[in-house]
Protein backbone atom coordinates (compact mmCIF):
# COMPACT_ATOMS: atom_id res chain seq x y z
CA MET A 1 0.00 0.00 0.00
CA GLY A 2 1.09 3.58 -0.54
CA ASN A 3 1.94 6.22 1.98
CA THR A 4 -0.25 5.96 5.08
CA PHE A 5 1.14 9.02 6.86
CA ILE A 6 0.18 12.65 6.36
CA PRO A 7 2.90 14.90 7.77
CA PHE A 8 1.96 18.15 9.48
CA ASP A 9 4.04 21.02 10.77
CA GLY A 10 2.58 20.97 14.28
CA GLN A 11 -0.35 23.27 13.50
CA SER A 12 -2.92 20.94 14.96
CA GLU A 13 -6.02 23.12 14.68
CA SER A 14 -5.61 23.78 10.97
CA ALA A 15 -4.72 20.16 10.18
CA VAL A 16 -7.69 18.72 12.05
CA ASP A 17 -10.02 21.40 10.68
CA TYR A 18 -8.87 20.61 7.14
CA LEU A 19 -9.56 16.89 7.48
CA VAL A 20 -12.89 17.45 9.24
CA GLY A 21 -13.77 19.80 6.36
CA MET A 22 -12.99 17.01 3.88
CA LEU A 23 -15.30 14.68 5.78
CA ALA A 24 -18.05 17.32 5.84
CA TYR A 25 -17.81 17.99 2.11
CA ALA A 26 -17.80 14.27 1.29
CA ARG A 27 -20.95 13.77 3.37
CA GLU A 28 -22.69 16.84 1.95
CA THR A 29 -22.21 15.62 -1.60
CA THR A 30 -23.25 12.07 -0.69
CA LEU A 31 -26.50 13.46 0.71
CA GLN A 32 -27.02 15.43 -2.52
CA ARG A 33 -26.62 12.22 -4.58
CA ILE A 34 -29.37 10.40 -2.66
CA GLU A 35 -31.83 13.27 -2.50
CA GLY A 36 -35.27 12.22 -3.73
CA ILE A 37 -34.40 8.50 -3.94
CA THR A 38 -37.29 6.05 -3.83
CA GLN A 39 -37.33 2.80 -1.87
CA GLU A 40 -37.29 0.82 -5.11
CA GLU A 41 -34.26 2.73 -6.35
CA LEU A 42 -32.54 2.41 -2.96
CA ASP A 43 -32.78 -1.40 -3.07
CA TRP A 44 -32.36 -1.90 -6.85
CA ARG A 45 -29.33 -3.77 -8.21
CA TYR A 46 -28.18 -3.76 -11.80
CA ARG A 47 -27.21 -7.42 -11.49
CA GLY A 48 -27.69 -9.93 -8.69
CA THR A 49 -24.17 -9.60 -7.33
CA TRP A 50 -23.95 -5.82 -7.65
CA ASN A 51 -24.38 -3.47 -4.73
CA SER A 52 -27.50 -1.40 -4.29
CA VAL A 53 -27.46 2.24 -3.24
CA GLY A 54 -28.70 1.07 0.17
CA ALA A 55 -25.83 -1.44 0.49
CA LEU A 56 -23.33 1.32 -0.33
CA LEU A 57 -24.91 3.61 2.27
CA ALA A 58 -24.68 0.76 4.80
CA HIS A 59 -21.01 0.43 3.82
CA ILE A 60 -20.32 4.15 4.31
CA ILE A 61 -22.01 4.02 7.72
CA GLY A 62 -20.26 0.81 8.73
CA ILE A 63 -16.81 2.01 7.65
CA GLU A 64 -17.22 5.30 9.51
CA ASN A 65 -18.16 3.43 12.68
CA LEU A 66 -15.33 0.93 12.24
CA PHE A 67 -12.79 3.75 11.70
CA ARG A 68 -14.05 5.59 14.76
CA ILE A 69 -13.97 2.55 17.00
CA ALA A 70 -10.69 1.05 15.79
CA MET A 71 -8.67 4.22 15.08
CA LEU A 72 -10.02 6.88 17.41
CA GLU A 73 -11.37 4.90 20.34
CA LYS A 74 -8.58 2.30 19.90
CA ARG A 75 -10.70 -0.72 20.74
CA LYS A 76 -12.30 -3.74 19.11
CA LEU A 77 -15.95 -3.80 18.13
CA THR A 78 -18.31 -5.31 20.68
CA ASP A 79 -20.40 -8.29 19.56
CA GLU A 80 -23.39 -5.95 19.14
CA GLU A 81 -21.35 -3.44 17.08
CA ASN A 82 -19.90 -6.26 14.99
CA SER A 83 -23.39 -7.59 14.24
CA ARG A 84 -24.67 -4.11 13.42
CA TRP A 85 -21.82 -2.70 11.30
CA MET A 86 -19.83 -5.53 9.71
CA PRO A 87 -22.44 -6.61 7.11
CA GLY A 88 -22.24 -3.10 5.70
CA VAL A 89 -18.45 -3.02 5.96
CA GLU A 90 -18.06 -6.34 4.17
CA ILE A 91 -21.10 -6.07 1.81
CA GLY A 92 -20.34 -9.07 -0.50
CA ASP A 93 -22.23 -12.04 0.91
CA HIS A 94 -24.43 -9.69 2.96
CA VAL A 95 -25.82 -7.65 0.05
CA ASP A 96 -29.16 -9.48 0.12
CA ARG A 97 -29.57 -8.57 3.83
CA LEU A 98 -28.93 -4.90 3.08
CA THR A 99 -32.33 -4.15 1.58
CA GLY A 100 -35.62 -2.81 2.85
CA LYS A 101 -34.24 -0.06 5.07
CA SER A 102 -35.85 3.32 4.44
CA ILE A 103 -33.91 6.35 3.28
CA ASP A 104 -34.95 8.10 6.50
CA LYS A 105 -33.25 5.33 8.50
CA TYR A 106 -30.09 5.62 6.40
CA LEU A 107 -30.10 9.40 6.87
CA GLU A 108 -30.49 8.93 10.63
CA GLU A 109 -27.59 6.45 10.72
CA LEU A 110 -25.39 8.70 8.55
CA SER A 111 -26.03 11.57 10.95
CA GLU A 112 -25.45 9.39 14.02
CA SER A 113 -22.17 7.95 12.72
CA ARG A 114 -20.88 11.40 11.79
CA THR A 115 -21.83 12.91 15.15
CA MET A 116 -20.02 10.09 16.92
CA MET A 117 -16.97 10.46 14.63
CA LEU A 118 -16.74 14.20 15.25
CA GLY A 119 -17.15 13.66 18.98
CA ALA A 120 -14.27 11.17 18.98
CA ILE A 121 -12.09 13.55 16.95
CA ALA A 122 -12.81 16.36 19.42
CA GLU A 123 -11.53 14.17 22.25
CA MET A 124 -8.17 13.54 20.57
CA SER A 125 -4.96 15.27 21.47
CA TRP A 126 -2.58 16.47 18.77
CA GLU A 127 -0.19 13.72 19.81
CA ASP A 128 -2.89 11.08 19.30
CA PHE A 129 -3.75 12.58 15.91
CA ALA A 130 -0.19 12.41 14.56
CA LYS A 131 1.06 9.28 16.40
CA HIS A 132 2.34 6.30 14.41
CA ARG A 133 -0.03 3.36 14.93
CA MET A 134 -0.07 -0.27 13.90
CA ASP A 135 -3.01 -2.61 13.35
CA ALA A 136 -4.12 -5.57 11.29
CA TYR A 137 -5.65 -3.37 8.59
CA GLN A 138 -2.45 -1.36 8.05
CA PRO A 139 0.51 -3.58 8.93
CA GLU A 140 2.99 -0.85 7.87
CA GLY A 141 1.33 1.56 10.25
CA PHE A 142 -0.64 4.75 9.79
CA ASN A 143 -1.60 7.94 11.56
CA VAL A 144 -5.10 9.20 12.28
CA ALA A 145 -4.60 12.03 9.79
CA TRP A 146 -4.30 9.42 7.04
CA GLY A 147 -7.22 7.46 8.52
CA LEU A 148 -9.52 10.49 8.31
CA PHE A 149 -8.36 11.23 4.77
CA HIS A 150 -9.04 7.60 3.87
CA ALA A 151 -12.52 7.77 5.44
CA ALA A 152 -13.35 10.75 3.21
CA GLU A 153 -11.77 9.09 0.17
CA ASP A 154 -13.74 5.88 0.76
CA GLU A 155 -17.03 7.77 0.96
CA ILE A 156 -16.20 9.74 -2.20
CA HIS A 157 -15.42 6.50 -4.03
CA HIS A 158 -18.73 4.93 -3.04
CA ARG A 159 -20.62 8.14 -3.77
CA GLY A 160 -19.40 7.73 -7.36
CA GLN A 161 -20.81 4.22 -7.41
CA ILE A 162 -24.11 5.53 -6.04
CA SER A 163 -24.25 8.09 -8.87
CA MET A 164 -23.57 5.39 -11.47
CA ILE A 165 -26.21 3.04 -10.02
CA ARG A 166 -28.79 5.82 -10.00
CA LYS A 167 -28.00 6.63 -13.66
CA LEU A 168 -28.32 2.97 -14.64
CA TYR A 169 -31.60 2.71 -12.75
CA ALA A 170 -32.98 5.82 -14.46
CA ASP A 171 -31.82 4.65 -17.88
CA LEU A 172 -33.30 1.17 -17.54
CA ASN A 173 -36.55 2.30 -15.90
CA THR A 174 -37.45 5.16 -18.23
CA SER A 175 -40.13 4.31 -20.75
CA SER A 176 -39.05 4.81 -24.32
């Protein structure tokens, strides 16, 4: 994997503010992409093994919670958290289970996960933010600055997939 460290010059407020701003912009544009979505469109899949918009939203929510718990709170998921978040994190074999949830519920969970992420960030010291860490997901190590960048990057990536799925849905469900 590439570089998993983002160096800073010790200006903690501006560095944290910048990364929190990236997270905010990523979320704002994700919310724009799902505005006006119907339940049918939320659960629709182009092919049986493809993700739905709902599955991708569950992934965004699950990843944000996993990042917060593992990187910021520095702990393992509880059994309840594992049961709640890992199907969305892993998607794959769970995609059939990730249907039927309303857009209002996804919006609530997106808001909840972001509030919890921002709360955990606010509790961090500058030393915690920049500290070299090791874990199973990043065996070479990482810092939280990179982790927050990656959280934004992951959401942006999946937002692109959401846009593509919505375009396919519209194209295939428009009467000629």
